[in-house]
Amino acid sequence: MVTIGTTVHGGALASLIDTAAMVAAWSDAPVPDKIRGSTVNLTITYLAPANKEDLQATARVLRRGKSLVYVDIDVQGASSGAVAKGLATYKIG
């Protein structure tokens, strides 16, 4: 999703960051019979315009508590480098 010309909409980047955080939060968690989870907090710093190109989000769990998982997320453009940084708190269970 682009806004003006070839610039990717910030909301699309936010969705990518949120999804990457969710995947990382569940990556090593025991899976209950009924999967529930939600984003508790999401902070995004936009570093540079993301142009219409492949984007990759890399998420890393910083700390895993009993029900809260803290995740660091980096978004890179295929040719433009770092475009956004996210920090998420995700509730699992």
PDB file of N, CA and C in Angstrom:
ATOM      1  N   MET A   1       0.840  -1.151   0.000  1.00  0.00           N
ATOM      2  CA  MET A   1       0.000   0.000   0.000  1.00  0.00           C
ATOM      3  C   MET A   1       0.902   1.236   0.000  1.00  0.00           C
ATOM      4  N   VAL A   2       0.738   2.040  -1.030  1.00  0.00           N
ATOM      5  CA  VAL A   2       1.537   3.262  -1.128  1.00  0.00           C
ATOM      6  C   VAL A   2       0.632   4.481  -0.981  1.00  0.00           C
ATOM      7  N   THR A   3       1.215   5.593  -0.579  1.00  0.00           N
ATOM      8  CA  THR A   3       0.449   6.835  -0.435  1.00  0.00           C
ATOM      9  C   THR A   3       0.703   7.717  -1.642  1.00  0.00           C
ATOM     10  N   ILE A   4       1.746   8.493  -1.616  1.00  0.00           N
ATOM     11  CA  ILE A   4       2.073   9.388  -2.722  1.00  0.00           C
ATOM     12  C   ILE A   4       3.219   8.783  -3.514  1.00  0.00           C
ATOM     13  N   GLY A   5       3.016   8.597  -4.798  1.00  0.00           N
ATOM     14  CA  GLY A   5       4.072   8.030  -5.631  1.00  0.00           C
ATOM     15  C   GLY A   5       4.371   6.596  -5.248  1.00  0.00           C
ATOM     16  N   THR A   6       5.562   6.379  -4.718  1.00  0.00           N
ATOM     17  CA  THR A   6       5.980   5.017  -4.359  1.00  0.00           C
ATOM     18  C   THR A   6       6.267   4.866  -2.868  1.00  0.00           C
ATOM     19  N   THR A   7       5.831   5.815  -2.045  1.00  0.00           N
ATOM     20  CA  THR A   7       6.089   5.767  -0.607  1.00  0.00           C
ATOM     21  C   THR A   7       5.067   4.872   0.088  1.00  0.00           C
ATOM     22  N   VAL A   8       5.561   3.910   0.866  1.00  0.00           N
ATOM     23  CA  VAL A   8       4.693   2.984   1.591  1.00  0.00           C
ATOM     24  C   VAL A   8       4.026   3.717   2.756  1.00  0.00           C
ATOM     25  N   HIS A   9       2.743   3.483   2.928  1.00  0.00           N
ATOM     26  CA  HIS A   9       1.961   4.114   3.996  1.00  0.00           C
ATOM     27  C   HIS A   9       2.488   3.674   5.359  1.00  0.00           C
ATOM     28  N   GLY A  10       2.598   4.606   6.301  1.00  0.00           N
ATOM     29  CA  GLY A  10       3.090   4.300   7.647  1.00  0.00           C
ATOM     30  C   GLY A  10       2.246   3.260   8.361  1.00  0.00           C
ATOM     31  N   GLY A  11       0.949   3.243   8.099  1.00  0.00           N
ATOM     32  CA  GLY A  11       0.070   2.247   8.706  1.00  0.00           C
ATOM     33  C   GLY A  11       0.380   0.839   8.232  1.00  0.00           C
ATOM     34  N   ALA A  12       0.801   0.712   6.976  1.00  0.00           N
ATOM     35  CA  ALA A  12       1.197  -0.601   6.456  1.00  0.00           C
ATOM     36  C   ALA A  12       2.461  -1.082   7.166  1.00  0.00           C
ATOM     37  N   LEU A  13       3.393  -0.167   7.419  1.00  0.00           N
ATOM     38  CA  LEU A  13       4.602  -0.521   8.170  1.00  0.00           C
ATOM     39  C   LEU A  13       4.254  -0.904   9.605  1.00  0.00           C
ATOM     40  N   ALA A  14       3.309  -0.186  10.207  1.00  0.00           N
ATOM     41  CA  ALA A  14       2.884  -0.499  11.573  1.00  0.00           C
ATOM     42  C   ALA A  14       2.272  -1.897  11.643  1.00  0.00           C
ATOM     43  N   SER A  15       1.476  -2.255  10.648  1.00  0.00           N
ATOM     44  CA  SER A  15       0.881  -3.597  10.607  1.00  0.00           C
ATOM     45  C   SER A  15       1.947  -4.671  10.457  1.00  0.00           C
ATOM     46  N   LEU A  16       2.946  -4.411   9.625  1.00  0.00           N
ATOM     47  CA  LEU A  16       4.051  -5.355   9.454  1.00  0.00           C
ATOM     48  C   LEU A  16       4.799  -5.538  10.771  1.00  0.00           C
ATOM     49  N   ILE A  17       5.081  -4.453  11.465  1.00  0.00           N
ATOM     50  CA  ILE A  17       5.792  -4.507  12.744  1.00  0.00           C
ATOM     51  C   ILE A  17       4.972  -5.255  13.789  1.00  0.00           C
ATOM     52  N   ASP A  18       3.680  -4.973  13.855  1.00  0.00           N
ATOM     53  CA  ASP A  18       2.803  -5.633  14.822  1.00  0.00           C
ATOM     54  C   ASP A  18       2.718  -7.137  14.555  1.00  0.00           C
ATOM     55  N   THR A  19       2.608  -7.519  13.296  1.00  0.00           N
ATOM     56  CA  THR A  19       2.542  -8.940  12.938  1.00  0.00           C
ATOM     57  C   THR A  19       3.847  -9.653  13.266  1.00  0.00           C
ATOM     58  N   ALA A  20       4.979  -9.023  12.966  1.00  0.00           N
ATOM     59  CA  ALA A  20       6.279  -9.627  13.285  1.00  0.00           C
ATOM     60  C   ALA A  20       6.434  -9.810  14.789  1.00  0.00           C
ATOM     61  N   ALA A  21       5.954  -8.842  15.571  1.00  0.00           N
ATOM     62  CA  ALA A  21       6.020  -8.950  17.034  1.00  0.00           C
ATOM     63  C   ALA A  21       5.183 -10.118  17.530  1.00  0.00           C
ATOM     64  N   MET A  22       3.996 -10.290  16.973  1.00  0.00           N
ATOM     65  CA  MET A  22       3.115 -11.387  17.366  1.00  0.00           C
ATOM     66  C   MET A  22       3.751 -12.743  17.064  1.00  0.00           C
ATOM     67  N   VAL A  23       4.332 -12.879  15.892  1.00  0.00           N
ATOM     68  CA  VAL A  23       4.985 -14.137  15.516  1.00  0.00           C
ATOM     69  C   VAL A  23       6.146 -14.435  16.462  1.00  0.00           C
ATOM     70  N   ALA A  24       6.947 -13.425  16.768  1.00  0.00           N
ATOM     71  CA  ALA A  24       8.075 -13.621  17.688  1.00  0.00           C
ATOM     72  C   ALA A  24       7.591 -13.972  19.090  1.00  0.00           C
ATOM     73  N   ALA A  25       6.516 -13.326  19.534  1.00  0.00           N
ATOM     74  CA  ALA A  25       5.995 -13.575  20.883  1.00  0.00           C
ATOM     75  C   ALA A  25       5.545 -15.026  21.045  1.00  0.00           C
ATOM     76  N   TRP A  26       4.954 -15.591  20.017  1.00  0.00           N
ATOM     77  CA  TRP A  26       4.475 -16.977  20.089  1.00  0.00           C
ATOM     78  C   TRP A  26       5.550 -17.990  19.712  1.00  0.00           C
ATOM     79  N   SER A  27       6.704 -17.558  19.243  1.00  0.00           N
ATOM     80  CA  SER A  27       7.714 -18.477  18.695  1.00  0.00           C
ATOM     81  C   SER A  27       8.178 -19.554  19.665  1.00  0.00           C
ATOM     82  N   ASP A  28       8.409 -19.239  20.915  1.00  0.00           N
ATOM     83  CA  ASP A  28       8.877 -20.232  21.889  1.00  0.00           C
ATOM     84  C   ASP A  28       7.877 -20.455  23.016  1.00  0.00           C
ATOM     85  N   ALA A  29       6.682 -19.932  22.855  1.00  0.00           N
ATOM     86  CA  ALA A  29       5.675 -20.038  23.912  1.00  0.00           C
ATOM     87  C   ALA A  29       4.922 -21.362  23.799  1.00  0.00           C
ATOM     88  N   PRO A  30       4.553 -21.951  24.935  1.00  0.00           N
ATOM     89  CA  PRO A  30       3.707 -23.141  24.877  1.00  0.00           C
ATOM     90  C   PRO A  30       2.343 -22.750  24.299  1.00  0.00           C
ATOM     91  N   VAL A  31       1.835 -23.567  23.404  1.00  0.00           N
ATOM     92  CA  VAL A  31       0.571 -23.250  22.739  1.00  0.00           C
ATOM     93  C   VAL A  31      -0.592 -23.840  23.536  1.00  0.00           C
ATOM     94  N   PRO A  32      -1.465 -22.980  24.071  1.00  0.00           N
ATOM     95  CA  PRO A  32      -2.607 -23.478  24.842  1.00  0.00           C
ATOM     96  C   PRO A  32      -3.702 -24.004  23.911  1.00  0.00           C
ATOM     97  N   ASP A  33      -4.711 -24.640  24.497  1.00  0.00           N
ATOM     98  CA  ASP A  33      -5.825 -25.148  23.698  1.00  0.00           C
ATOM     99  C   ASP A  33      -6.529 -24.022  22.949  1.00  0.00           C
ATOM    100  N   LYS A  34      -6.689 -22.901  23.613  1.00  0.00           N
ATOM    101  CA  LYS A  34      -7.320 -21.742  22.990  1.00  0.00           C
ATOM    102  C   LYS A  34      -6.287 -20.622  22.919  1.00  0.00           C
ATOM    103  N   ILE A  35      -5.860 -20.299  21.714  1.00  0.00           N
ATOM    104  CA  ILE A  35      -4.833 -19.272  21.536  1.00  0.00           C
ATOM    105  C   ILE A  35      -5.473 -17.889  21.631  1.00  0.00           C
ATOM    106  N   ARG A  36      -4.939 -17.091  22.549  1.00  0.00           N
ATOM    107  CA  ARG A  36      -5.370 -15.704  22.690  1.00  0.00           C
ATOM    108  C   ARG A  36      -4.134 -14.839  22.853  1.00  0.00           C
ATOM    109  N   GLY A  37      -4.221 -13.639  22.365  1.00  0.00           N
ATOM    110  CA  GLY A  37      -3.117 -12.710  22.531  1.00  0.00           C
ATOM    111  C   GLY A  37      -3.517 -11.336  22.050  1.00  0.00           C
ATOM    112  N   SER A  38      -2.792 -10.332  22.503  1.00  0.00           N
ATOM    113  CA  SER A  38      -3.075  -8.974  22.046  1.00  0.00           C
ATOM    114  C   SER A  38      -1.852  -8.088  22.244  1.00  0.00           C
ATOM    115  N   THR A  39      -1.784  -7.080  21.419  1.00  0.00           N
ATOM    116  CA  THR A  39      -0.734  -6.081  21.549  1.00  0.00           C
ATOM    117  C   THR A  39      -1.107  -5.150  22.694  1.00  0.00           C
ATOM    118  N   VAL A  40      -0.213  -5.037  23.666  1.00  0.00           N
ATOM    119  CA  VAL A  40      -0.441  -4.165  24.817  1.00  0.00           C
ATOM    120  C   VAL A  40       0.115  -2.771  24.535  1.00  0.00           C
ATOM    121  N   ASN A  41       1.279  -2.734  23.899  1.00  0.00           N
ATOM    122  CA  ASN A  41       1.922  -1.462  23.579  1.00  0.00           C
ATOM    123  C   ASN A  41       2.713  -1.631  22.291  1.00  0.00           C
ATOM    124  N   LEU A  42       2.695  -0.599  21.456  1.00  0.00           N
ATOM    125  CA  LEU A  42       3.454  -0.630  20.209  1.00  0.00           C
ATOM    126  C   LEU A  42       4.003   0.768  19.960  1.00  0.00           C
ATOM    127  N   THR A  43       5.329   0.875  19.915  1.00  0.00           N
ATOM    128  CA  THR A  43       5.996   2.144  19.639  1.00  0.00           C
ATOM    129  C   THR A  43       6.789   1.985  18.353  1.00  0.00           C
ATOM    130  N   ILE A  44       6.612   2.931  17.441  1.00  0.00           N
ATOM    131  CA  ILE A  44       7.293   2.850  16.151  1.00  0.00           C
ATOM    132  C   ILE A  44       8.065   4.137  15.904  1.00  0.00           C
ATOM    133  N   THR A  45       9.300   3.986  15.464  1.00  0.00           N
ATOM    134  CA  THR A  45      10.106   5.114  15.016  1.00  0.00           C
ATOM    135  C   THR A  45      10.349   4.925  13.525  1.00  0.00           C
ATOM    136  N   TYR A  46       9.877   5.873  12.732  1.00  0.00           N
ATOM    137  CA  TYR A  46      10.087   5.829  11.287  1.00  0.00           C
ATOM    138  C   TYR A  46      11.427   6.501  10.999  1.00  0.00           C
ATOM    139  N   LEU A  47      12.340   5.756  10.403  1.00  0.00           N
ATOM    140  CA  LEU A  47      13.704   6.240  10.191  1.00  0.00           C
ATOM    141  C   LEU A  47      13.916   6.872   8.824  1.00  0.00           C
ATOM    142  N   ALA A  48      13.229   6.347   7.818  1.00  0.00           N
ATOM    143  CA  ALA A  48      13.378   6.830   6.446  1.00  0.00           C
ATOM    144  C   ALA A  48      12.140   6.416   5.661  1.00  0.00           C
ATOM    145  N   PRO A  49      11.857   7.101   4.555  1.00  0.00           N
ATOM    146  CA  PRO A  49      10.716   6.679   3.747  1.00  0.00           C
ATOM    147  C   PRO A  49      10.927   5.255   3.226  1.00  0.00           C
ATOM    148  N   ALA A  50       9.878   4.476   3.287  1.00  0.00           N
ATOM    149  CA  ALA A  50       9.918   3.130   2.707  1.00  0.00           C
ATOM    150  C   ALA A  50       9.317   3.239   1.317  1.00  0.00           C
ATOM    151  N   ASN A  51      10.095   2.887   0.325  1.00  0.00           N
ATOM    152  CA  ASN A  51       9.612   2.969  -1.044  1.00  0.00           C
ATOM    153  C   ASN A  51       9.002   1.646  -1.468  1.00  0.00           C
ATOM    154  N   LYS A  52       8.319   1.690  -2.594  1.00  0.00           N
ATOM    155  CA  LYS A  52       7.649   0.496  -3.118  1.00  0.00           C
ATOM    156  C   LYS A  52       8.716  -0.536  -3.496  1.00  0.00           C
ATOM    157  N   GLU A  53       9.046  -1.396  -2.522  1.00  0.00           N
ATOM    158  CA  GLU A  53      10.045  -2.446  -2.695  1.00  0.00           C
ATOM    159  C   GLU A  53       9.784  -3.515  -1.648  1.00  0.00           C
ATOM    160  N   ASP A  54      10.472  -4.618  -1.730  1.00  0.00           N
ATOM    161  CA  ASP A  54      10.331  -5.658  -0.712  1.00  0.00           C
ATOM    162  C   ASP A  54      10.827  -5.125   0.625  1.00  0.00           C
ATOM    163  N   LEU A  55      10.048  -5.393   1.669  1.00  0.00           N
ATOM    164  CA  LEU A  55      10.413  -4.999   3.027  1.00  0.00           C
ATOM    165  C   LEU A  55      10.538  -6.248   3.878  1.00  0.00           C
ATOM    166  N   GLN A  56      11.487  -6.238   4.790  1.00  0.00           N
ATOM    167  CA  GLN A  56      11.692  -7.386   5.677  1.00  0.00           C
ATOM    168  C   GLN A  56      11.680  -6.913   7.118  1.00  0.00           C
ATOM    169  N   ALA A  57      10.856  -7.575   7.931  1.00  0.00           N
ATOM    170  CA  ALA A  57      10.805  -7.285   9.362  1.00  0.00           C
ATOM    171  C   ALA A  57      11.520  -8.396  10.110  1.00  0.00           C
ATOM    172  N   THR A  58      12.425  -8.021  10.992  1.00  0.00           N
ATOM    173  CA  THR A  58      13.143  -8.974  11.834  1.00  0.00           C
ATOM    174  C   THR A  58      12.804  -8.655  13.282  1.00  0.00           C
ATOM    175  N   ALA A  59      12.251  -9.653  13.976  1.00  0.00           N
ATOM    176  CA  ALA A  59      11.821  -9.449  15.361  1.00  0.00           C
ATOM    177  C   ALA A  59      12.661 -10.298  16.299  1.00  0.00           C
ATOM    178  N   ARG A  60      12.956  -9.722  17.470  1.00  0.00           N
ATOM    179  CA  ARG A  60      13.776 -10.409  18.470  1.00  0.00           C
ATOM    180  C   ARG A  60      13.130 -10.223  19.837  1.00  0.00           C
ATOM    181  N   VAL A  61      12.920 -11.335  20.525  1.00  0.00           N
ATOM    182  CA  VAL A  61      12.343 -11.270  21.869  1.00  0.00           C
ATOM    183  C   VAL A  61      13.403 -10.747  22.832  1.00  0.00           C
ATOM    184  N   LEU A  62      13.083  -9.667  23.528  1.00  0.00           N
ATOM    185  CA  LEU A  62      13.999  -9.085  24.507  1.00  0.00           C
ATOM    186  C   LEU A  62      13.824  -9.722  25.878  1.00  0.00           C
ATOM    187  N   ARG A  63      12.571  -9.990  26.226  1.00  0.00           N
ATOM    188  CA  ARG A  63      12.266 -10.595  27.523  1.00  0.00           C
ATOM    189  C   ARG A  63      10.930 -11.303  27.420  1.00  0.00           C
ATOM    190  N   ARG A  64      10.867 -12.478  28.007  1.00  0.00           N
ATOM    191  CA  ARG A  64       9.632 -13.254  28.034  1.00  0.00           C
ATOM    192  C   ARG A  64       9.224 -13.461  29.483  1.00  0.00           C
ATOM    193  N   GLY A  65       8.097 -12.882  29.878  1.00  0.00           N
ATOM    194  CA  GLY A  65       7.552 -13.089  31.215  1.00  0.00           C
ATOM    195  C   GLY A  65       6.488 -14.171  31.182  1.00  0.00           C
ATOM    196  N   LYS A  66       5.716 -14.265  32.255  1.00  0.00           N
ATOM    197  CA  LYS A  66       4.662 -15.280  32.328  1.00  0.00           C
ATOM    198  C   LYS A  66       3.590 -15.050  31.261  1.00  0.00           C
ATOM    199  N   SER A  67       3.189 -13.797  31.083  1.00  0.00           N
ATOM    200  CA  SER A  67       2.169 -13.514  30.073  1.00  0.00           C
ATOM    201  C   SER A  67       2.533 -12.358  29.140  1.00  0.00           C
ATOM    202  N   LEU A  68       3.560 -11.593  29.466  1.00  0.00           N
ATOM    203  CA  LEU A  68       3.977 -10.488  28.607  1.00  0.00           C
ATOM    204  C   LEU A  68       5.313 -10.795  27.943  1.00  0.00           C
ATOM    205  N   VAL A  69       5.381 -10.459  26.665  1.00  0.00           N
ATOM    206  CA  VAL A  69       6.608 -10.657  25.889  1.00  0.00           C
ATOM    207  C   VAL A  69       6.999  -9.303  25.300  1.00  0.00           C
ATOM    208  N   TYR A  70       8.264  -8.935  25.457  1.00  0.00           N
ATOM    209  CA  TYR A  70       8.788  -7.668  24.954  1.00  0.00           C
ATOM    210  C   TYR A  70       9.620  -7.962  23.713  1.00  0.00           C
ATOM    211  N   VAL A  71       9.287  -7.282  22.605  1.00  0.00           N
ATOM    212  CA  VAL A  71       9.880  -7.606  21.308  1.00  0.00           C
ATOM    213  C   VAL A  71      10.443  -6.349  20.649  1.00  0.00           C
ATOM    214  N   ASP A  72      11.629  -6.494  20.064  1.00  0.00           N
ATOM    215  CA  ASP A  72      12.302  -5.447  19.301  1.00  0.00           C
ATOM    216  C   ASP A  72      12.177  -5.818  17.823  1.00  0.00           C
ATOM    217  N   ILE A  73      11.764  -4.872  16.968  1.00  0.00           N
ATOM    218  CA  ILE A  73      11.535  -5.166  15.561  1.00  0.00           C
ATOM    219  C   ILE A  73      12.264  -4.148  14.689  1.00  0.00           C
ATOM    220  N   ASP A  74      12.966  -4.648  13.673  1.00  0.00           N
ATOM    221  CA  ASP A  74      13.624  -3.797  12.681  1.00  0.00           C
ATOM    222  C   ASP A  74      13.003  -4.067  11.318  1.00  0.00           C
ATOM    223  N   VAL A  75      12.746  -3.002  10.547  1.00  0.00           N
ATOM    224  CA  VAL A  75      12.238  -3.150   9.184  1.00  0.00           C
ATOM    225  C   VAL A  75      13.266  -2.569   8.231  1.00  0.00           C
ATOM    226  N   GLN A  76      13.638  -3.380   7.249  1.00  0.00           N
ATOM    227  CA  GLN A  76      14.628  -2.996   6.240  1.00  0.00           C
ATOM    228  C   GLN A  76      13.994  -3.043   4.855  1.00  0.00           C
ATOM    229  N   GLY A  77      14.360  -2.077   4.015  1.00  0.00           N
ATOM    230  CA  GLY A  77      13.974  -2.122   2.614  1.00  0.00           C
ATOM    231  C   GLY A  77      15.022  -2.903   1.845  1.00  0.00           C
ATOM    232  N   ALA A  78      14.611  -3.554   0.770  1.00  0.00           N
ATOM    233  CA  ALA A  78      15.532  -4.379  -0.016  1.00  0.00           C
ATOM    234  C   ALA A  78      16.743  -3.585  -0.500  1.00  0.00           C
ATOM    235  N   SER A  79      16.530  -2.329  -0.878  1.00  0.00           N
ATOM    236  CA  SER A  79      17.655  -1.524  -1.358  1.00  0.00           C
ATOM    237  C   SER A  79      17.878  -0.248  -0.549  1.00  0.00           C
ATOM    238  N   SER A  80      16.912   0.100   0.316  1.00  0.00           N
ATOM    239  CA  SER A  80      17.019   1.380   1.023  1.00  0.00           C
ATOM    240  C   SER A  80      17.534   1.276   2.451  1.00  0.00           C
ATOM    241  N   GLY A  81      17.733   0.072   2.962  1.00  0.00           N
ATOM    242  CA  GLY A  81      18.239  -0.080   4.325  1.00  0.00           C
ATOM    243  C   GLY A  81      17.149   0.104   5.365  1.00  0.00           C
ATOM    244  N   ALA A  82      17.538   0.551   6.558  1.00  0.00           N
ATOM    245  CA  ALA A  82      16.606   0.665   7.685  1.00  0.00           C
ATOM    246  C   ALA A  82      15.540   1.723   7.408  1.00  0.00           C
ATOM    247  N   VAL A  83      14.267   1.333   7.580  1.00  0.00           N
ATOM    248  CA  VAL A  83      13.173   2.280   7.374  1.00  0.00           C
ATOM    249  C   VAL A  83      12.340   2.499   8.637  1.00  0.00           C
ATOM    250  N   ALA A  84      12.315   1.511   9.556  1.00  0.00           N
ATOM    251  CA  ALA A  84      11.526   1.682  10.779  1.00  0.00           C
ATOM    252  C   ALA A  84      12.044   0.766  11.879  1.00  0.00           C
ATOM    253  N   LYS A  85      11.763   1.171  13.111  1.00  0.00           N
ATOM    254  CA  LYS A  85      12.150   0.411  14.302  1.00  0.00           C
ATOM    255  C   LYS A  85      10.930   0.355  15.203  1.00  0.00           C
ATOM    256  N   GLY A  86      10.644  -0.823  15.736  1.00  0.00           N
ATOM    257  CA  GLY A  86       9.497  -0.966  16.617  1.00  0.00           C
ATOM    258  C   GLY A  86       9.871  -1.614  17.934  1.00  0.00           C
ATOM    259  N   LEU A  87       9.098  -1.306  18.953  1.00  0.00           N
ATOM    260  CA  LEU A  87       9.216  -1.947  20.255  1.00  0.00           C
ATOM    261  C   LEU A  87       7.797  -2.294  20.675  1.00  0.00           C
ATOM    262  N   ALA A  88       7.558  -3.576  20.921  1.00  0.00           N
ATOM    263  CA  ALA A  88       6.205  -4.031  21.226  1.00  0.00           C
ATOM    264  C   ALA A  88       6.162  -4.818  22.523  1.00  0.00           C
ATOM    265  N   THR A  89       5.042  -4.690  23.209  1.00  0.00           N
ATOM    266  CA  THR A  89       4.728  -5.541  24.348  1.00  0.00           C
ATOM    267  C   THR A  89       3.498  -6.331  23.933  1.00  0.00           C
ATOM    268  N   TYR A  90       3.604  -7.656  23.990  1.00  0.00           N
ATOM    269  CA  TYR A  90       2.532  -8.526  23.523  1.00  0.00           C
ATOM    270  C   TYR A  90       2.103  -9.446  24.652  1.00  0.00           C
ATOM    271  N   LYS A  91       0.793  -9.569  24.860  1.00  0.00           N
ATOM    272  CA  LYS A  91       0.257 -10.454  25.898  1.00  0.00           C
ATOM    273  C   LYS A  91      -0.139 -11.773  25.253  1.00  0.00           C
ATOM    274  N   ILE A  92       0.374 -12.867  25.795  1.00  0.00           N
ATOM    275  CA  ILE A  92       0.007 -14.187  25.296  1.00  0.00           C
ATOM    276  C   ILE A  92      -0.775 -14.938  26.362  1.00  0.00           C
ATOM    277  N   GLY A  93      -1.546 -15.914  25.911  1.00  0.00           N
ATOM    278  CA  GLY A  93      -2.286 -16.769  26.841  1.00  0.00           C
ATOM    279  C   GLY A  93      -3.679 -16.323  27.100  1.00  0.00           C
TER     280      GLY A  93
END
